[in-house]
C-alpha atoms as a PDB file:
ATOM      1  CA  UNK A   1      47.271  80.686  88.692  1.00  0.00           C
ATOM      2  CA  UNK A   2      46.391  79.446  92.025  1.00  0.00           C
ATOM      3  CA  UNK A   3      47.359  81.388  95.166  1.00  0.00           C
ATOM      4  CA  UNK A   4      49.470  79.382  97.566  1.00  0.00           C
ATOM      5  CA  UNK A   5      49.376  80.073 101.234  1.00  0.00           C
ATOM      6  CA  UNK A   6      52.431  79.784 103.368  1.00  0.00           C
ATOM      7  CA  UNK A   7      52.270  77.717 106.521  1.00  0.00           C
ATOM      8  CA  UNK A   8      52.046  79.732 109.731  1.00  0.00           C
ATOM      9  CA  UNK A   9      55.102  79.854 112.018  1.00  0.00           C
ATOM     10  CA  UNK A  10      55.180  77.559 115.021  1.00  0.00           C
ATOM     11  CA  UNK A  11      53.576  78.859 118.208  1.00  0.00           C
ATOM     12  CA  UNK A  12      55.799  80.572 120.787  1.00  0.00           C
ATOM     13  CA  UNK A  13      56.951  78.534 123.739  1.00  0.00           C
ATOM     14  CA  UNK A  14      55.810  79.688 127.162  1.00  0.00           C
ATOM     15  CA  UNK A  15      58.353  80.537 129.856  1.00  0.00           C
ATOM     16  CA  UNK A  16      58.734  77.977 132.552  1.00  0.00           C
ATOM     17  CA  UNK A  17      57.587  79.041 135.972  1.00  0.00           C
ATOM     18  CA  UNK A  18      60.475  79.432 138.429  1.00  0.00           C
ATOM     19  CA  UNK A  19      59.765  77.611 141.689  1.00  0.00           C
ATOM     20  CA  UNK A  20      59.691  79.822 144.780  1.00  0.00           C
ATOM     21  CA  UNK A  21      62.184  77.623 146.609  1.00  0.00           C
ATOM     22  CA  UNK A  22      65.048  78.607 144.292  1.00  0.00           C
ATOM     23  CA  UNK A  23      67.522  81.175 145.545  1.00  0.00           C
ATOM     24  CA  UNK A  24      69.427  83.827 143.679  1.00  0.00           C
ATOM     25  CA  UNK A  25      73.195  84.294 143.816  1.00  0.00           C
ATOM     26  CA  UNK A  26      72.834  87.273 146.148  1.00  0.00           C
ATOM     27  CA  UNK A  27      70.683  85.301 148.594  1.00  0.00           C
ATOM     28  CA  UNK A  28      73.037  82.331 148.499  1.00  0.00           C
ATOM     29  CA  UNK A  29      76.104  84.464 149.135  1.00  0.00           C
ATOM     30  CA  UNK A  30      74.574  86.200 152.142  1.00  0.00           C
ATOM     31  CA  UNK A  31      73.422  82.957 153.690  1.00  0.00           C
ATOM     32  CA  UNK A  32      76.760  81.154 153.339  1.00  0.00           C
ATOM     33  CA  UNK A  33      78.894  84.235 154.209  1.00  0.00           C
ATOM     34  CA  UNK A  34      80.916  83.936 150.990  1.00  0.00           C
ATOM     35  CA  UNK A  35      80.994  86.780 148.522  1.00  0.00           C
ATOM     36  CA  UNK A  36      80.893  86.077 144.802  1.00  0.00           C
ATOM     37  CA  UNK A  37      82.783  88.798 142.879  1.00  0.00           C
ATOM     38  CA  UNK A  38      80.652  90.347 140.178  1.00  0.00           C
ATOM     39  CA  UNK A  39      82.183  91.757 137.027  1.00  0.00           C
ATOM     40  CA  UNK A  40      81.788  95.475 136.495  1.00  0.00           C
ATOM     41  CA  UNK A  41      81.393  96.299 132.791  1.00  0.00           C
ATOM     42  CA  UNK A  42      82.696  99.853 133.307  1.00  0.00           C
ATOM     43  CA  UNK A  43      85.780  98.756 135.251  1.00  0.00           C
ATOM     44  CA  UNK A  44      89.003 100.350 134.090  1.00  0.00           C
ATOM     45  CA  UNK A  45      91.547  98.054 132.568  1.00  0.00           C
ATOM     46  CA  UNK A  46      94.931  97.836 134.168  1.00  0.00           C
ATOM     47  CA  UNK A  47      97.543  99.628 132.077  1.00  0.00           C
ATOM     48  CA  UNK A  48      99.919  97.221 130.431  1.00  0.00           C
ATOM     49  CA  UNK A  49     103.429  98.567 130.032  1.00  0.00           C
ATOM     50  CA  UNK A  50     104.536  98.562 126.390  1.00  0.00           C
ATOM     51  CA  UNK A  51     107.388  96.239 125.455  1.00  0.00           C
ATOM     52  CA  UNK A  52     110.848  97.787 125.238  1.00  0.00           C
ATOM     53  CA  UNK A  53     111.884  98.977 121.789  1.00  0.00           C
ATOM     54  CA  UNK A  54     113.938  96.729 119.580  1.00  0.00           C
ATOM     55  CA  UNK A  55     117.666  97.313 120.198  1.00  0.00           C
ATOM     56  CA  UNK A  56     119.164  99.589 117.571  1.00  0.00           C
ATOM     57  CA  UNK A  57     115.796 100.845 116.310  1.00  0.00           C
ATOM     58  CA  UNK A  58     115.025 104.554 116.037  1.00  0.00           C
ATOM     59  CA  UNK A  59     112.709 104.287 119.083  1.00  0.00           C
ATOM     60  CA  UNK A  60     115.551 102.762 121.103  1.00  0.00           C
ATOM     61  CA  UNK A  61     117.918 105.579 120.104  1.00  0.00           C
ATOM     62  CA  UNK A  62     115.367 108.266 121.097  1.00  0.00           C
ATOM     63  CA  UNK A  63     114.667 106.487 124.394  1.00  0.00           C
ATOM     64  CA  UNK A  64     118.379 106.403 125.218  1.00  0.00           C
ATOM     65  CA  UNK A  65     118.691 110.125 124.387  1.00  0.00           C
ATOM     66  CA  UNK A  66     115.749 110.928 126.687  1.00  0.00           C
ATOM     67  CA  UNK A  67     117.255 108.790 129.461  1.00  0.00           C
ATOM     68  CA  UNK A  68     120.566 110.624 129.168  1.00  0.00           C
ATOM     69  CA  UNK A  69     118.808 114.020 129.293  1.00  0.00           C
ATOM     70  CA  UNK A  70     116.619 113.220 132.308  1.00  0.00           C
ATOM     71  CA  UNK A  71     119.142 111.194 134.272  1.00  0.00           C
ATOM     72  CA  UNK A  72     118.911 107.801 135.941  1.00  0.00           C
ATOM     73  CA  UNK A  73     117.565 109.105 139.264  1.00  0.00           C
ATOM     74  CA  UNK A  74     114.548 110.931 137.787  1.00  0.00           C
ATOM     75  CA  UNK A  75     113.613 107.917 135.667  1.00  0.00           C
ATOM     76  CA  UNK A  76     113.772 105.543 138.664  1.00  0.00           C
ATOM     77  CA  UNK A  77     111.710 107.987 140.750  1.00  0.00           C
ATOM     78  CA  UNK A  78     109.010 108.143 138.047  1.00  0.00           C
ATOM     79  CA  UNK A  79     108.903 104.349 137.744  1.00  0.00           C
ATOM     80  CA  UNK A  80     108.639 103.858 141.511  1.00  0.00           C
ATOM     81  CA  UNK A  81     105.818 106.395 141.839  1.00  0.00           C
ATOM     82  CA  UNK A  82     103.931 104.886 138.884  1.00  0.00           C
ATOM     83  CA  UNK A  83     104.071 108.087 136.842  1.00  0.00           C
ATOM     84  CA  UNK A  84     106.364 106.848 134.087  1.00  0.00           C
ATOM     85  CA  UNK A  85     103.527 106.465 131.533  1.00  0.00           C
ATOM     86  CA  UNK A  86     101.180 109.255 132.627  1.00  0.00           C
ATOM     87  CA  UNK A  87     101.064 112.618 130.900  1.00  0.00           C
ATOM     88  CA  UNK A  88     101.480 115.694 133.115  1.00  0.00           C
ATOM     89  CA  UNK A  89      99.240 117.761 130.805  1.00  0.00           C
ATOM     90  CA  UNK A  90      96.026 117.158 128.885  1.00  0.00           C
ATOM     91  CA  UNK A  91      96.077 116.201 125.235  1.00  0.00           C
ATOM     92  CA  UNK A  92      95.811 119.114 122.799  1.00  0.00           C
ATOM     93  CA  UNK A  93      97.242 121.842 125.055  1.00  0.00           C
ATOM     94  CA  UNK A  94      99.648 124.233 123.336  1.00  0.00           C
ATOM     95  CA  UNK A  95     102.939 124.848 125.115  1.00  0.00           C
ATOM     96  CA  UNK A  96     105.958 127.038 124.469  1.00  0.00           C
ATOM     97  CA  UNK A  97     109.051 124.982 125.100  1.00  0.00           C
ATOM     98  CA  UNK A  98     112.764 125.550 124.939  1.00  0.00           C
ATOM     99  CA  UNK A  99     114.818 122.881 123.230  1.00  0.00           C
ATOM    100  CA  UNK A 100     117.002 121.191 125.831  1.00  0.00           C
ATOM    101  CA  UNK A 101     118.946 118.994 123.426  1.00  0.00           C
ATOM    102  CA  UNK A 102     118.832 117.370 120.028  1.00  0.00           C
ATOM    103  CA  UNK A 103     118.610 113.631 119.706  1.00  0.00           C
ATOM    104  CA  UNK A 104     121.064 111.758 117.530  1.00  0.00           C
ATOM    105  CA  UNK A 105     118.521 111.608 114.708  1.00  0.00           C
ATOM    106  CA  UNK A 106     117.820 115.362 114.797  1.00  0.00           C
ATOM    107  CA  UNK A 107     114.615 115.425 116.851  1.00  0.00           C
ATOM    108  CA  UNK A 108     114.388 118.108 119.531  1.00  0.00           C
ATOM    109  CA  UNK A 109     113.972 117.000 123.131  1.00  0.00           C
ATOM    110  CA  UNK A 110     112.335 119.369 125.626  1.00  0.00           C
ATOM    111  CA  UNK A 111     111.848 119.104 129.375  1.00  0.00           C
ATOM    112  CA  UNK A 112     108.569 120.341 130.849  1.00  0.00           C
ATOM    113  CA  UNK A 113     109.235 121.766 134.291  1.00  0.00           C
END
């Protein structure tokens, strides 16, 4: 048997030299007084409000029970202040609560004061 040799890979291409006359985006923006917004990879995403529950679904029934317990004024105040989807406590904290009411499907509803 005769040993076959594989052809060598093609040679690497050299980088092209960048001419000194070229400007970067930062230099161009400072010279023309316009600012180019740069994307920040660690930027927080804007919270998107979840869609309302389907009418007649179990989520809709629970939501209506919670609305009736809290009252229209407290719900509008939370929406206006932007706190309607923020938790007042950290996740995983144990609390002792008193049941304020029972929903129509038997779930307990508590109010954290």
